[in-house]
Amino acid sequence: MFEGVVTIVFSKHMNVFQVPLLLTSPLLLVAVAASLGACYIASLKNAERKLVIGGHELTLPQQYIGIGVISVPIFYLAGATTAIFWVIGASFFVIMLHATLYDIESIVGSEDQPFDLQMEE
């Protein structure tokens, strides 16, 4: 029972504490907003008419890839690596905490009878 409470508390805290990470870096927030805005504008413009560069028509997925390629260096300069490693580290901590508190004996059973299986005939 204690394990379920800990898991629920940590999952709620993970949802709460991920958002302030973006808010602590205003440049990162602006970079994410600009990237999402560019994708939105590209989808609106693509509905009106196709984008043609150098005589080649670019599809919407190709435009998204271009926006992503341009956004990666901007995210790097805005400090997105810190946010990514923070999320990975916090996830690792929560997973390891869950693994240490997990009561495997209640599922597997005792040493005498490792699995509580019943055969039907």
N, C-alpha and C. Protein backbone atom coordinates (compact mmCIF):
# COMPACT_ATOMS: atom_id res chain seq x y z
N MET A 1 0.82 -1.19 0.00
CA MET A 1 0.00 0.00 0.00
C MET A 1 0.87 1.25 0.00
N PHE A 2 1.93 1.24 0.79
CA PHE A 2 2.83 2.38 0.86
C PHE A 2 3.46 2.66 -0.50
N GLU A 3 3.76 1.59 -1.24
CA GLU A 3 4.38 1.74 -2.55
C GLU A 3 3.48 2.52 -3.51
N GLY A 4 2.18 2.22 -3.50
CA GLY A 4 1.24 2.91 -4.38
C GLY A 4 1.16 4.40 -4.08
N VAL A 5 1.18 4.73 -2.80
CA VAL A 5 1.13 6.14 -2.39
C VAL A 5 2.38 6.86 -2.86
N VAL A 6 3.54 6.23 -2.67
CA VAL A 6 4.79 6.86 -3.10
C VAL A 6 4.80 7.08 -4.60
N THR A 7 4.34 6.08 -5.34
CA THR A 7 4.31 6.19 -6.80
C THR A 7 3.40 7.32 -7.25
N ILE A 8 2.22 7.42 -6.65
CA ILE A 8 1.28 8.48 -7.01
C ILE A 8 1.85 9.85 -6.67
N VAL A 9 2.45 9.98 -5.49
CA VAL A 9 3.02 11.27 -5.08
C VAL A 9 4.13 11.68 -6.03
N PHE A 10 5.04 10.74 -6.35
CA PHE A 10 6.15 11.10 -7.23
C PHE A 10 5.68 11.40 -8.64
N SER A 11 4.67 10.69 -9.15
CA SER A 11 4.20 10.99 -10.50
C SER A 11 3.55 12.36 -10.55
N LYS A 12 2.83 12.73 -9.48
CA LYS A 12 2.24 14.07 -9.45
C LYS A 12 3.33 15.14 -9.35
N HIS A 13 4.36 14.88 -8.54
CA HIS A 13 5.45 15.85 -8.42
C HIS A 13 6.21 15.98 -9.73
N MET A 14 6.36 14.89 -10.46
CA MET A 14 7.06 14.96 -11.75
C MET A 14 6.30 15.87 -12.71
N ASN A 15 4.98 15.76 -12.73
CA ASN A 15 4.19 16.62 -13.61
C ASN A 15 4.27 18.08 -13.17
N VAL A 16 4.34 18.32 -11.87
CA VAL A 16 4.39 19.69 -11.37
C VAL A 16 5.75 20.32 -11.61
N PHE A 17 6.83 19.56 -11.42
CA PHE A 17 8.16 20.14 -11.46
C PHE A 17 8.77 20.21 -12.84
N GLN A 18 8.18 19.60 -13.85
CA GLN A 18 8.73 19.71 -15.20
C GLN A 18 8.42 21.07 -15.81
N VAL A 19 7.28 21.64 -15.51
CA VAL A 19 6.89 22.92 -16.11
C VAL A 19 7.79 24.06 -15.63
N PRO A 20 8.11 24.19 -14.34
CA PRO A 20 8.98 25.29 -13.94
C PRO A 20 10.36 25.23 -14.57
N LEU A 21 10.77 24.06 -15.05
CA LEU A 21 12.06 23.96 -15.71
C LEU A 21 12.09 24.82 -16.97
N LEU A 22 11.00 24.81 -17.72
CA LEU A 22 10.92 25.68 -18.90
C LEU A 22 10.81 27.14 -18.48
N LEU A 23 10.12 27.40 -17.38
CA LEU A 23 9.92 28.78 -16.96
C LEU A 23 11.18 29.40 -16.38
N THR A 24 12.14 28.59 -15.92
CA THR A 24 13.37 29.15 -15.40
C THR A 24 14.29 29.63 -16.51
N SER A 25 14.05 29.20 -17.72
CA SER A 25 14.84 29.64 -18.85
C SER A 25 13.91 30.31 -19.87
N PRO A 26 13.76 31.63 -19.77
CA PRO A 26 12.85 32.31 -20.69
C PRO A 26 13.26 32.15 -22.16
N LEU A 27 14.55 32.07 -22.42
CA LEU A 27 15.00 31.90 -23.80
C LEU A 27 14.57 30.54 -24.35
N LEU A 28 14.61 29.52 -23.51
CA LEU A 28 14.15 28.20 -23.93
C LEU A 28 12.66 28.22 -24.20
N LEU A 29 11.90 28.91 -23.36
CA LEU A 29 10.46 29.03 -23.57
C LEU A 29 10.16 29.75 -24.88
N VAL A 30 10.91 30.80 -25.18
CA VAL A 30 10.74 31.53 -26.44
C VAL A 30 11.12 30.65 -27.63
N ALA A 31 12.19 29.88 -27.50
CA ALA A 31 12.62 29.01 -28.59
C ALA A 31 11.59 27.93 -28.89
N VAL A 32 11.01 27.34 -27.85
CA VAL A 32 9.98 26.31 -28.05
C VAL A 32 8.75 26.94 -28.68
N ALA A 33 8.35 28.11 -28.20
CA ALA A 33 7.18 28.80 -28.77
C ALA A 33 7.42 29.17 -30.23
N ALA A 34 8.62 29.62 -30.54
CA ALA A 34 8.94 29.98 -31.93
C ALA A 34 8.92 28.75 -32.84
N SER A 35 9.44 27.64 -32.36
CA SER A 35 9.45 26.42 -33.15
C SER A 35 8.03 25.91 -33.40
N LEU A 36 7.22 25.89 -32.35
CA LEU A 36 5.84 25.46 -32.51
C LEU A 36 5.05 26.43 -33.39
N GLY A 37 5.32 27.73 -33.23
CA GLY A 37 4.67 28.72 -34.09
C GLY A 37 5.05 28.56 -35.55
N ALA A 38 6.31 28.26 -35.80
CA ALA A 38 6.75 28.04 -37.18
C ALA A 38 6.07 26.81 -37.78
N CYS A 39 5.91 25.77 -36.99
CA CYS A 39 5.20 24.58 -37.49
C CYS A 39 3.74 24.90 -37.78
N TYR A 40 3.12 25.68 -36.91
CA TYR A 40 1.72 26.07 -37.13
C TYR A 40 1.56 26.91 -38.38
N ILE A 41 2.45 27.88 -38.56
CA ILE A 41 2.40 28.73 -39.75
C ILE A 41 2.65 27.92 -41.01
N ALA A 42 3.59 26.98 -40.94
CA ALA A 42 3.86 26.13 -42.10
C ALA A 42 2.64 25.31 -42.47
N SER A 43 1.92 24.80 -41.48
CA SER A 43 0.72 24.01 -41.79
C SER A 43 -0.37 24.88 -42.39
N LEU A 44 -0.50 26.13 -41.91
CA LEU A 44 -1.49 27.03 -42.50
C LEU A 44 -1.13 27.41 -43.93
N LYS A 45 0.12 27.73 -44.16
CA LYS A 45 0.56 28.12 -45.50
C LYS A 45 0.48 26.94 -46.47
N ASN A 46 0.74 25.73 -45.96
CA ASN A 46 0.70 24.55 -46.82
C ASN A 46 -0.73 24.26 -47.27
N ALA A 47 -1.72 24.62 -46.45
CA ALA A 47 -3.11 24.40 -46.83
C ALA A 47 -3.51 25.33 -47.97
N GLU A 48 -2.95 26.55 -47.99
CA GLU A 48 -3.26 27.51 -49.05
C GLU A 48 -2.57 27.13 -50.36
N ARG A 49 -1.25 26.97 -50.28
CA ARG A 49 -0.48 26.58 -51.47
C ARG A 49 0.82 25.95 -51.02
N LYS A 50 1.38 25.13 -51.88
CA LYS A 50 2.61 24.41 -51.56
C LYS A 50 3.81 25.34 -51.63
N LEU A 51 4.80 25.07 -50.79
CA LEU A 51 6.03 25.84 -50.78
C LEU A 51 6.97 25.29 -51.85
N VAL A 52 7.46 26.17 -52.70
CA VAL A 52 8.37 25.77 -53.78
C VAL A 52 9.68 26.52 -53.58
N ILE A 53 10.78 25.76 -53.47
CA ILE A 53 12.11 26.35 -53.33
C ILE A 53 12.99 25.75 -54.41
N GLY A 54 13.55 26.60 -55.25
CA GLY A 54 14.43 26.15 -56.33
C GLY A 54 13.75 25.22 -57.31
N GLY A 55 12.47 25.41 -57.53
CA GLY A 55 11.74 24.58 -58.47
C GLY A 55 11.28 23.25 -57.90
N HIS A 56 11.58 23.00 -56.63
CA HIS A 56 11.16 21.75 -55.98
C HIS A 56 10.05 22.06 -54.98
N GLU A 57 8.99 21.29 -55.04
CA GLU A 57 7.88 21.46 -54.11
C GLU A 57 8.19 20.71 -52.81
N LEU A 58 8.12 21.43 -51.70
CA LEU A 58 8.38 20.82 -50.39
C LEU A 58 7.06 20.41 -49.75
N THR A 59 6.99 19.16 -49.30
CA THR A 59 5.81 18.69 -48.60
C THR A 59 5.83 19.19 -47.17
N LEU A 60 4.71 19.05 -46.48
CA LEU A 60 4.63 19.52 -45.10
C LEU A 60 5.61 18.78 -44.18
N PRO A 61 5.76 17.44 -44.29
CA PRO A 61 6.78 16.79 -43.45
C PRO A 61 8.20 17.30 -43.72
N GLN A 62 8.51 17.61 -44.96
CA GLN A 62 9.83 18.16 -45.27
C GLN A 62 10.00 19.54 -44.64
N GLN A 63 8.93 20.33 -44.60
CA GLN A 63 8.99 21.63 -43.95
C GLN A 63 9.19 21.48 -42.45
N TYR A 64 8.50 20.50 -41.84
CA TYR A 64 8.68 20.24 -40.42
C TYR A 64 10.11 19.82 -40.12
N ILE A 65 10.69 18.99 -40.97
CA ILE A 65 12.08 18.57 -40.79
C ILE A 65 13.01 19.79 -40.86
N GLY A 66 12.77 20.67 -41.81
CA GLY A 66 13.57 21.89 -41.92
C GLY A 66 13.46 22.76 -40.68
N ILE A 67 12.24 22.91 -40.16
CA ILE A 67 12.05 23.69 -38.94
C ILE A 67 12.78 23.03 -37.78
N GLY A 68 12.72 21.70 -37.71
CA GLY A 68 13.42 20.97 -36.65
C GLY A 68 14.93 21.13 -36.73
N VAL A 69 15.46 21.07 -37.95
CA VAL A 69 16.91 21.22 -38.14
C VAL A 69 17.36 22.62 -37.73
N ILE A 70 16.56 23.60 -38.06
CA ILE A 70 16.89 24.97 -37.67
C ILE A 70 16.73 25.18 -36.17
N SER A 71 15.77 24.49 -35.57
CA SER A 71 15.48 24.66 -34.14
C SER A 71 16.51 24.01 -33.23
N VAL A 72 17.16 22.94 -33.67
CA VAL A 72 18.11 22.22 -32.80
C VAL A 72 19.23 23.13 -32.30
N PRO A 73 19.92 23.88 -33.16
CA PRO A 73 20.97 24.77 -32.62
C PRO A 73 20.42 25.86 -31.70
N ILE A 74 19.21 26.33 -32.00
CA ILE A 74 18.60 27.35 -31.14
C ILE A 74 18.29 26.76 -29.77
N PHE A 75 17.76 25.53 -29.75
CA PHE A 75 17.49 24.86 -28.47
C PHE A 75 18.78 24.65 -27.69
N TYR A 76 19.84 24.28 -28.40
CA TYR A 76 21.13 24.07 -27.74
C TYR A 76 21.63 25.36 -27.10
N LEU A 77 21.54 26.46 -27.83
CA LEU A 77 21.98 27.74 -27.29
C LEU A 77 21.08 28.22 -26.15
N ALA A 78 19.81 27.82 -26.18
CA ALA A 78 18.87 28.25 -25.14
C ALA A 78 18.99 27.41 -23.87
N GLY A 79 19.78 26.35 -23.91
CA GLY A 79 19.99 25.54 -22.71
C GLY A 79 19.06 24.36 -22.60
N ALA A 80 18.63 23.80 -23.70
CA ALA A 80 17.72 22.66 -23.66
C ALA A 80 18.41 21.41 -23.15
N THR A 81 19.74 21.34 -23.29
CA THR A 81 20.44 20.15 -22.80
C THR A 81 20.30 20.01 -21.29
N THR A 82 20.29 21.12 -20.58
CA THR A 82 20.08 21.09 -19.14
C THR A 82 18.70 20.52 -18.82
N ALA A 83 17.71 20.98 -19.54
CA ALA A 83 16.34 20.49 -19.30
C ALA A 83 16.23 19.01 -19.62
N ILE A 84 16.84 18.58 -20.71
CA ILE A 84 16.77 17.17 -21.10
C ILE A 84 17.45 16.30 -20.05
N PHE A 85 18.64 16.69 -19.61
CA PHE A 85 19.34 15.88 -18.61
C PHE A 85 18.65 15.92 -17.26
N TRP A 86 17.97 17.02 -16.93
CA TRP A 86 17.22 17.07 -15.70
C TRP A 86 16.06 16.08 -15.75
N VAL A 87 15.34 16.05 -16.85
CA VAL A 87 14.21 15.13 -16.99
C VAL A 87 14.70 13.68 -16.98
N ILE A 88 15.81 13.40 -17.66
CA ILE A 88 16.36 12.03 -17.66
C ILE A 88 16.80 11.65 -16.24
N GLY A 89 17.46 12.54 -15.54
CA GLY A 89 17.91 12.24 -14.19
C GLY A 89 16.74 12.05 -13.22
N ALA A 90 15.73 12.90 -13.32
CA ALA A 90 14.57 12.76 -12.45
C ALA A 90 13.81 11.47 -12.76
N SER A 91 13.71 11.11 -14.02
CA SER A 91 13.05 9.86 -14.40
C SER A 91 13.82 8.66 -13.88
N PHE A 92 15.14 8.70 -14.00
CA PHE A 92 15.98 7.62 -13.49
C PHE A 92 15.78 7.46 -11.98
N PHE A 93 15.75 8.58 -11.26
CA PHE A 93 15.56 8.54 -9.82
C PHE A 93 14.22 7.91 -9.46
N VAL A 94 13.15 8.32 -10.14
CA VAL A 94 11.82 7.78 -9.85
C VAL A 94 11.74 6.29 -10.18
N ILE A 95 12.34 5.88 -11.29
CA ILE A 95 12.33 4.47 -11.67
C ILE A 95 13.10 3.65 -10.65
N MET A 96 14.26 4.12 -10.22
CA MET A 96 15.05 3.38 -9.23
C MET A 96 14.34 3.34 -7.87
N LEU A 97 13.70 4.42 -7.49
CA LEU A 97 12.94 4.44 -6.24
C LEU A 97 11.80 3.43 -6.31
N HIS A 98 11.11 3.39 -7.42
CA HIS A 98 10.02 2.43 -7.60
C HIS A 98 10.56 1.00 -7.56
N ALA A 99 11.70 0.77 -8.17
CA ALA A 99 12.28 -0.58 -8.18
C ALA A 99 12.67 -1.02 -6.78
N THR A 100 13.15 -0.10 -5.95
CA THR A 100 13.54 -0.49 -4.60
C THR A 100 12.34 -0.71 -3.70
N LEU A 101 11.25 -0.03 -3.95
CA LEU A 101 10.06 -0.17 -3.10
C LEU A 101 9.08 -1.23 -3.61
N TYR A 102 9.33 -1.78 -4.76
CA TYR A 102 8.42 -2.74 -5.37
C TYR A 102 8.43 -4.05 -4.58
N ASP A 103 7.28 -4.55 -4.23
CA ASP A 103 7.16 -5.77 -3.43
C ASP A 103 6.96 -6.95 -4.37
N ILE A 104 8.06 -7.52 -4.84
CA ILE A 104 7.99 -8.62 -5.81
C ILE A 104 7.51 -9.91 -5.17
N GLU A 105 7.73 -10.07 -3.85
CA GLU A 105 7.33 -11.31 -3.18
C GLU A 105 5.83 -11.51 -3.21
N SER A 106 5.06 -10.43 -3.20
CA SER A 106 3.61 -10.58 -3.23
C SER A 106 3.12 -11.09 -4.59
N ILE A 107 3.90 -10.88 -5.62
CA ILE A 107 3.51 -11.35 -6.96
C ILE A 107 4.09 -12.73 -7.23
N VAL A 108 5.36 -12.91 -6.94
CA VAL A 108 6.04 -14.17 -7.25
C VAL A 108 5.64 -15.26 -6.28
N GLY A 109 5.54 -14.98 -5.00
CA GLY A 109 5.21 -15.98 -4.00
C GLY A 109 6.41 -16.29 -3.13
N SER A 110 6.27 -17.32 -2.31
CA SER A 110 7.35 -17.68 -1.40
C SER A 110 8.37 -18.57 -2.11
N GLU A 111 9.45 -18.93 -1.36
CA GLU A 111 10.47 -19.79 -1.95
C GLU A 111 9.97 -21.21 -2.15
N ASP A 112 9.06 -21.66 -1.26
CA ASP A 112 8.52 -23.02 -1.38
C ASP A 112 7.64 -23.17 -2.62
N GLN A 113 6.85 -22.16 -2.86
CA GLN A 113 5.96 -22.19 -4.01
C GLN A 113 6.16 -20.88 -4.78
N PRO A 114 7.13 -20.86 -5.71
CA PRO A 114 7.51 -19.60 -6.34
C PRO A 114 6.39 -18.94 -7.14
N PHE A 115 5.53 -19.72 -7.74
CA PHE A 115 4.44 -19.14 -8.53
C PHE A 115 3.12 -19.72 -8.07
N ASP A 116 2.15 -18.89 -7.91
CA ASP A 116 0.85 -19.34 -7.47
C ASP A 116 -0.02 -19.62 -8.68
N LEU A 117 0.33 -20.69 -9.40
CA LEU A 117 -0.39 -21.06 -10.60
C LEU A 117 -1.25 -22.29 -10.33
N GLN A 118 -2.42 -22.29 -10.91
CA GLN A 118 -3.29 -23.45 -10.80
C GLN A 118 -3.56 -23.98 -12.19
N MET A 119 -3.34 -25.26 -12.35
CA MET A 119 -3.55 -25.92 -13.64
C MET A 119 -5.01 -26.35 -13.76
N GLU A 120 -5.62 -26.02 -14.86
CA GLU A 120 -6.98 -26.47 -15.12
C GLU A 120 -6.93 -27.71 -15.99
N GLU A 121 -7.84 -28.62 -15.71
CA GLU A 121 -7.86 -29.86 -16.49
C GLU A 121 -8.98 -29.86 -17.48
